[in-house]
Amino acid sequence: MGRQTILGRVTQLAKANINALLDQAEDPQKMLDQLLRDYADNISEAEQAVATTLGNLRLLEADHKEDVDAAAEWGGKALAASRKADELRAAGTAADADRFDNLAKVALGRQLRSEQEARTAEPVIAAQTQVVDRLRAGLAAMEDKLAELRAKRDELVARAGTARAQNTMLDAVESVDVLDPASDLNRFEEKVRREEAMAQGRQELAASSLDAQFESLEDLGRASEIEARLAALKARAA
């Protein structure tokens, strides 16, 4: 993947409005899970792009340093050859002097070529450095966004769990209608009342039966007393 493409994706993802995306989602939790996976994948791709771009930048910098060092080296060689030519010319050896001057010219030509290559590489290095800086900034923004997504996902899951628990409780409360005479609670209460009434009736019945027994005893006592008195009267009359 080209660095411009990944750079554009990094910038777009880092600027994504999570809340707006969630508002448009039918299942926010599933969307967040998918976003987390997408972000992790894109961060991995971006890291590879940064590593590749940074590696290329280091190669360019190394080549530039070689060109700068080579230019300095060839400059030194040109100076040495020129001085040697001057010494030989002063000593009256013109042919040897010309040969060293030619060597100095060759060295100067290579110095110029190395300097030109170094100058050509400098804007490329500058541009590559900007790309690396932007990719690094994009990576940092994506990592922050990933942390935000994870926090949002955890918050959503917690809120959904709380909402489900509340709805379950409300459903349970709504299923019991204490004002409905046909409800299970009122039917049970009615059954208890009937049992209480039956118990009260049995108590009253038992009490009335006991009173009747005592009344029978009283009647038997009066009859015995009457018989005793009658027997006494007969005894006196005899």
Protein backbone atom coordinates (compact mmCIF):
# COMPACT_ATOMS: atom_id res chain seq x y z
CA MET A 1 0.00 0.00 0.00
CA GLY A 2 1.42 3.43 -0.98
CA ARG A 3 2.28 5.85 1.74
CA GLN A 4 -0.08 8.50 0.41
CA THR A 5 -2.99 6.04 0.50
CA ILE A 6 -2.31 4.88 4.05
CA LEU A 7 -1.66 8.46 5.10
CA GLY A 8 -5.09 9.47 3.81
CA ARG A 9 -6.75 6.56 5.59
CA VAL A 10 -4.94 7.37 8.81
CA THR A 11 -6.11 10.98 8.66
CA GLN A 12 -9.70 10.02 7.80
CA LEU A 13 -9.99 7.40 10.55
CA ALA A 14 -8.37 9.60 13.15
CA LYS A 15 -10.93 12.35 12.45
CA ALA A 16 -13.95 10.01 12.48
CA ASN A 17 -16.85 11.22 14.62
CA ILE A 18 -17.72 8.21 16.76
CA ASN A 19 -20.95 9.65 18.17
CA ALA A 20 -22.27 10.41 14.68
CA LEU A 21 -21.45 6.88 13.54
CA LEU A 22 -23.22 5.41 16.55
CA ASP A 23 -26.32 7.51 15.94
CA GLN A 24 -26.61 5.96 12.47
CA ALA A 25 -26.02 2.38 13.62
CA GLU A 26 -28.83 -0.12 14.19
CA ASP A 27 -26.66 -2.11 16.64
CA PRO A 28 -24.07 0.29 18.16
CA GLN A 29 -22.26 -2.45 20.09
CA LYS A 30 -21.69 -4.56 16.97
CA MET A 31 -20.60 -1.48 15.06
CA LEU A 32 -18.12 -0.55 17.78
CA ASP A 33 -16.71 -4.07 17.78
CA GLN A 34 -16.26 -3.85 14.02
CA LEU A 35 -14.70 -0.38 14.32
CA LEU A 36 -12.26 -1.72 16.90
CA ARG A 37 -11.21 -4.48 14.53
CA ASP A 38 -10.91 -2.04 11.61
CA TYR A 39 -8.87 0.41 13.66
CA ALA A 40 -6.54 -2.33 14.90
CA ASP A 41 -6.01 -3.52 11.30
CA ASN A 42 -5.40 -0.01 10.00
CA ILE A 43 -3.03 0.80 12.84
CA SER A 44 -1.06 -2.32 11.96
CA GLU A 45 -0.95 -1.25 8.30
CA ALA A 46 0.02 2.29 9.27
CA GLU A 47 2.81 1.00 11.49
CA GLN A 48 4.18 -0.99 8.56
CA ALA A 49 3.92 2.06 6.31
CA VAL A 50 5.75 4.20 8.86
CA ALA A 51 8.46 1.57 9.26
CA THR A 52 8.91 1.28 5.48
CA THR A 53 8.91 5.04 4.94
CA LEU A 54 11.28 5.58 7.84
CA GLY A 55 13.59 2.88 6.49
CA ASN A 56 13.63 4.56 3.07
CA LEU A 57 14.33 7.88 4.75
CA ARG A 58 17.30 6.44 6.59
CA LEU A 59 18.67 5.03 3.33
CA LEU A 60 18.32 8.43 1.66
CA GLU A 61 20.05 10.09 4.60
CA ALA A 62 22.87 7.54 4.46
CA ASP A 63 23.29 8.08 0.70
CA HIS A 64 23.27 11.85 1.24
CA LYS A 65 25.95 11.56 3.89
CA GLU A 66 28.05 9.42 1.54
CA ASP A 67 27.70 12.09 -1.17
CA VAL A 68 28.67 14.86 1.24
CA ASP A 69 31.64 12.86 2.53
CA ALA A 70 32.64 11.95 -1.03
CA ALA A 71 32.48 15.60 -2.09
CA ALA A 72 34.73 16.57 0.80
CA GLU A 73 37.12 13.70 0.00
CA TRP A 74 37.35 14.59 -3.68
CA GLY A 75 37.85 18.19 -2.76
CA GLY A 76 40.80 17.18 -0.59
CA LYS A 77 42.25 15.08 -3.38
CA ALA A 78 41.88 17.96 -5.86
CA LEU A 79 43.68 20.29 -3.48
CA ALA A 80 46.50 17.80 -2.93
CA ALA A 81 46.93 17.21 -6.69
CA SER A 82 46.91 20.96 -7.37
CA ARG A 83 49.59 21.61 -4.76
CA LYS A 84 51.69 18.78 -6.15
CA ALA A 85 51.37 20.28 -9.63
CA ASP A 86 52.50 23.66 -8.31
CA GLU A 87 55.52 22.07 -6.66
CA LEU A 88 56.48 20.22 -9.82
CA ARG A 89 56.00 23.32 -11.95
CA ALA A 90 58.15 25.33 -9.57
CA ALA A 91 60.78 22.62 -9.85
CA GLY A 92 60.73 22.93 -13.64
CA THR A 93 58.88 19.65 -14.31
CA ALA A 94 56.04 21.02 -16.39
CA ALA A 95 54.88 17.71 -17.84
CA ASP A 96 54.42 16.12 -14.42
CA ALA A 97 52.81 19.33 -13.17
CA ASP A 98 50.24 19.20 -15.97
CA ARG A 99 49.47 15.56 -15.11
CA PHE A 100 48.71 16.45 -11.51
CA ASP A 101 46.64 19.42 -12.58
CA ASN A 102 44.63 17.03 -14.74
CA LEU A 103 44.19 14.76 -11.72
CA ALA A 104 42.99 17.76 -9.73
CA LYS A 105 40.43 18.53 -12.46
CA VAL A 106 39.17 14.94 -12.38
CA ALA A 107 38.84 15.12 -8.59
CA LEU A 108 37.01 18.45 -8.85
CA GLY A 109 34.60 16.96 -11.39
CA ARG A 110 33.78 14.11 -9.03
CA GLN A 111 33.43 16.58 -6.20
CA LEU A 112 30.90 18.53 -8.24
CA ARG A 113 28.98 15.36 -9.11
CA SER A 114 28.83 14.29 -5.45
CA GLU A 115 27.70 17.77 -4.39
CA GLN A 116 24.99 17.74 -7.07
CA GLU A 117 23.73 14.33 -5.93
CA ALA A 118 23.66 15.55 -2.34
CA ARG A 119 21.69 18.68 -3.32
CA THR A 120 19.24 16.60 -5.37
CA ALA A 121 18.59 14.29 -2.42
CA GLU A 122 17.97 17.09 0.09
CA PRO A 123 14.40 18.04 -0.98
CA VAL A 124 13.49 14.36 -1.27
CA ILE A 125 14.76 13.80 2.27
CA ALA A 126 12.83 16.83 3.50
CA ALA A 127 9.60 15.60 1.89
CA GLN A 128 10.14 12.08 3.22
CA THR A 129 10.72 13.49 6.69
CA GLN A 130 7.41 15.35 6.52
CA VAL A 131 5.62 12.17 5.47
CA VAL A 132 7.15 10.26 8.37
CA ASP A 133 6.17 13.03 10.81
CA ARG A 134 2.60 13.06 9.49
CA LEU A 135 2.34 9.28 9.64
CA ARG A 136 3.62 9.29 13.21
CA ALA A 137 1.13 11.98 14.18
CA GLY A 138 -1.64 10.03 12.44
CA LEU A 139 -0.65 6.88 14.30
CA ALA A 140 -0.76 8.70 17.62
CA ALA A 141 -4.20 10.10 16.77
CA MET A 142 -5.44 6.65 15.75
CA GLU A 143 -4.17 5.12 18.99
CA ASP A 144 -6.02 7.82 20.92
CA LYS A 145 -9.13 7.15 18.85
CA LEU A 146 -8.77 3.41 19.48
CA ALA A 147 -8.65 4.06 23.24
CA GLU A 148 -11.73 6.26 22.88
CA LEU A 149 -13.52 3.51 20.95
CA ARG A 150 -12.69 0.92 23.58
CA ALA A 151 -13.92 3.19 26.38
CA LYS A 152 -17.09 3.95 24.41
CA ARG A 153 -17.67 0.26 23.76
CA ASP A 154 -17.23 -0.64 27.45
CA GLU A 155 -19.55 2.20 28.49
CA LEU A 156 -22.18 1.08 25.99
CA VAL A 157 -22.05 -2.54 27.12
CA ALA A 158 -22.40 -1.48 30.77
CA ARG A 159 -25.31 0.83 29.98
CA ALA A 160 -27.04 -1.85 27.91
CA GLY A 161 -26.69 -4.34 30.77
CA THR A 162 -28.16 -1.86 33.25
CA ALA A 163 -31.03 -1.05 30.90
CA ARG A 164 -31.82 -4.75 30.42
CA ALA A 165 -31.81 -5.32 34.19
CA GLN A 166 -34.13 -2.34 34.74
CA ASN A 167 -36.51 -3.47 32.01
CA THR A 168 -36.59 -7.00 33.46
CA MET A 169 -37.46 -5.59 36.88
CA LEU A 170 -40.14 -3.32 35.44
CA ASP A 171 -41.65 -6.22 33.48
CA ALA A 172 -41.80 -8.27 36.68
CA VAL A 173 -43.48 -5.43 38.57
CA GLU A 174 -45.97 -4.75 35.79
CA SER A 175 -46.93 -8.45 35.64
CA VAL A 176 -48.36 -8.25 39.21
CA ASP A 177 -51.52 -6.13 39.35
CA VAL A 178 -52.69 -6.00 42.98
CA LEU A 179 -55.84 -4.11 42.00
CA ASP A 180 -57.07 -6.81 39.64
CA PRO A 181 -59.65 -9.06 41.40
CA ALA A 182 -58.83 -11.83 38.96
CA SER A 183 -55.11 -11.75 39.76
CA ASP A 184 -53.40 -14.65 41.49
CA LEU A 185 -52.81 -12.55 44.59
CA ASN A 186 -56.47 -11.63 45.02
CA ARG A 187 -57.56 -15.17 44.29
CA PHE A 188 -55.26 -16.41 47.03
CA GLU A 189 -56.58 -13.73 49.40
CA GLU A 190 -60.13 -14.78 48.63
CA LYS A 191 -59.25 -18.40 49.36
CA VAL A 192 -57.76 -17.39 52.73
CA ARG A 193 -60.90 -15.42 53.56
CA ARG A 194 -63.08 -18.43 52.76
CA GLU A 195 -60.96 -20.65 54.97
CA GLU A 196 -61.13 -18.08 57.77
CA ALA A 197 -64.93 -17.90 57.41
CA MET A 198 -65.18 -21.69 57.50
CA ALA A 199 -63.09 -21.82 60.66
CA GLN A 200 -65.25 -19.15 62.27
CA GLY A 201 -68.43 -21.05 61.29
CA ARG A 202 -67.06 -24.26 62.78
CA GLN A 203 -66.21 -22.44 65.99
CA GLU A 204 -69.73 -21.02 66.20
CA LEU A 205 -71.22 -24.43 65.45
CA ALA A 206 -69.09 -26.08 68.12
CA ALA A 207 -70.10 -23.42 70.63
CA SER A 208 -73.82 -23.83 69.89
CA SER A 209 -73.55 -27.62 70.25
CA LEU A 210 -71.86 -27.28 73.64
CA ASP A 211 -74.57 -24.88 74.81
CA ALA A 212 -77.22 -27.41 73.73
CA GLN A 213 -75.52 -30.15 75.75
CA PHE A 214 -75.46 -27.97 78.85
CA GLU A 215 -79.13 -27.12 78.31
CA SER A 216 -79.93 -30.88 78.11
CA LEU A 217 -78.09 -31.42 81.39
CA GLU A 218 -80.09 -28.65 83.00
CA ASP A 219 -83.39 -30.18 81.75
CA LEU A 220 -82.34 -33.61 83.11
CA GLY A 221 -81.54 -32.03 86.46
CA ARG A 222 -84.97 -30.38 86.70
CA ALA A 223 -86.70 -33.66 85.85
CA SER A 224 -84.77 -35.49 88.55
CA GLU A 225 -85.60 -32.78 91.08
CA ILE A 226 -89.28 -33.04 90.19
CA GLU A 227 -89.27 -36.79 90.58
CA ALA A 228 -87.51 -36.50 93.96
CA ARG A 229 -90.01 -33.95 95.22
CA LEU A 230 -92.92 -36.10 94.03
CA ALA A 231 -91.54 -39.08 95.90
CA ALA A 232 -91.22 -36.97 99.08
CA LEU A 233 -94.82 -35.85 98.83
CA LYS A 234 -96.01 -39.39 98.48
CA ALA A 235 -93.94 -40.43 101.48
CA ARG A 236 -95.58 -37.81 103.70
CA ALA A 237 -99.08 -38.75 102.54
CA ALA A 238 -98.69 -42.42 103.39
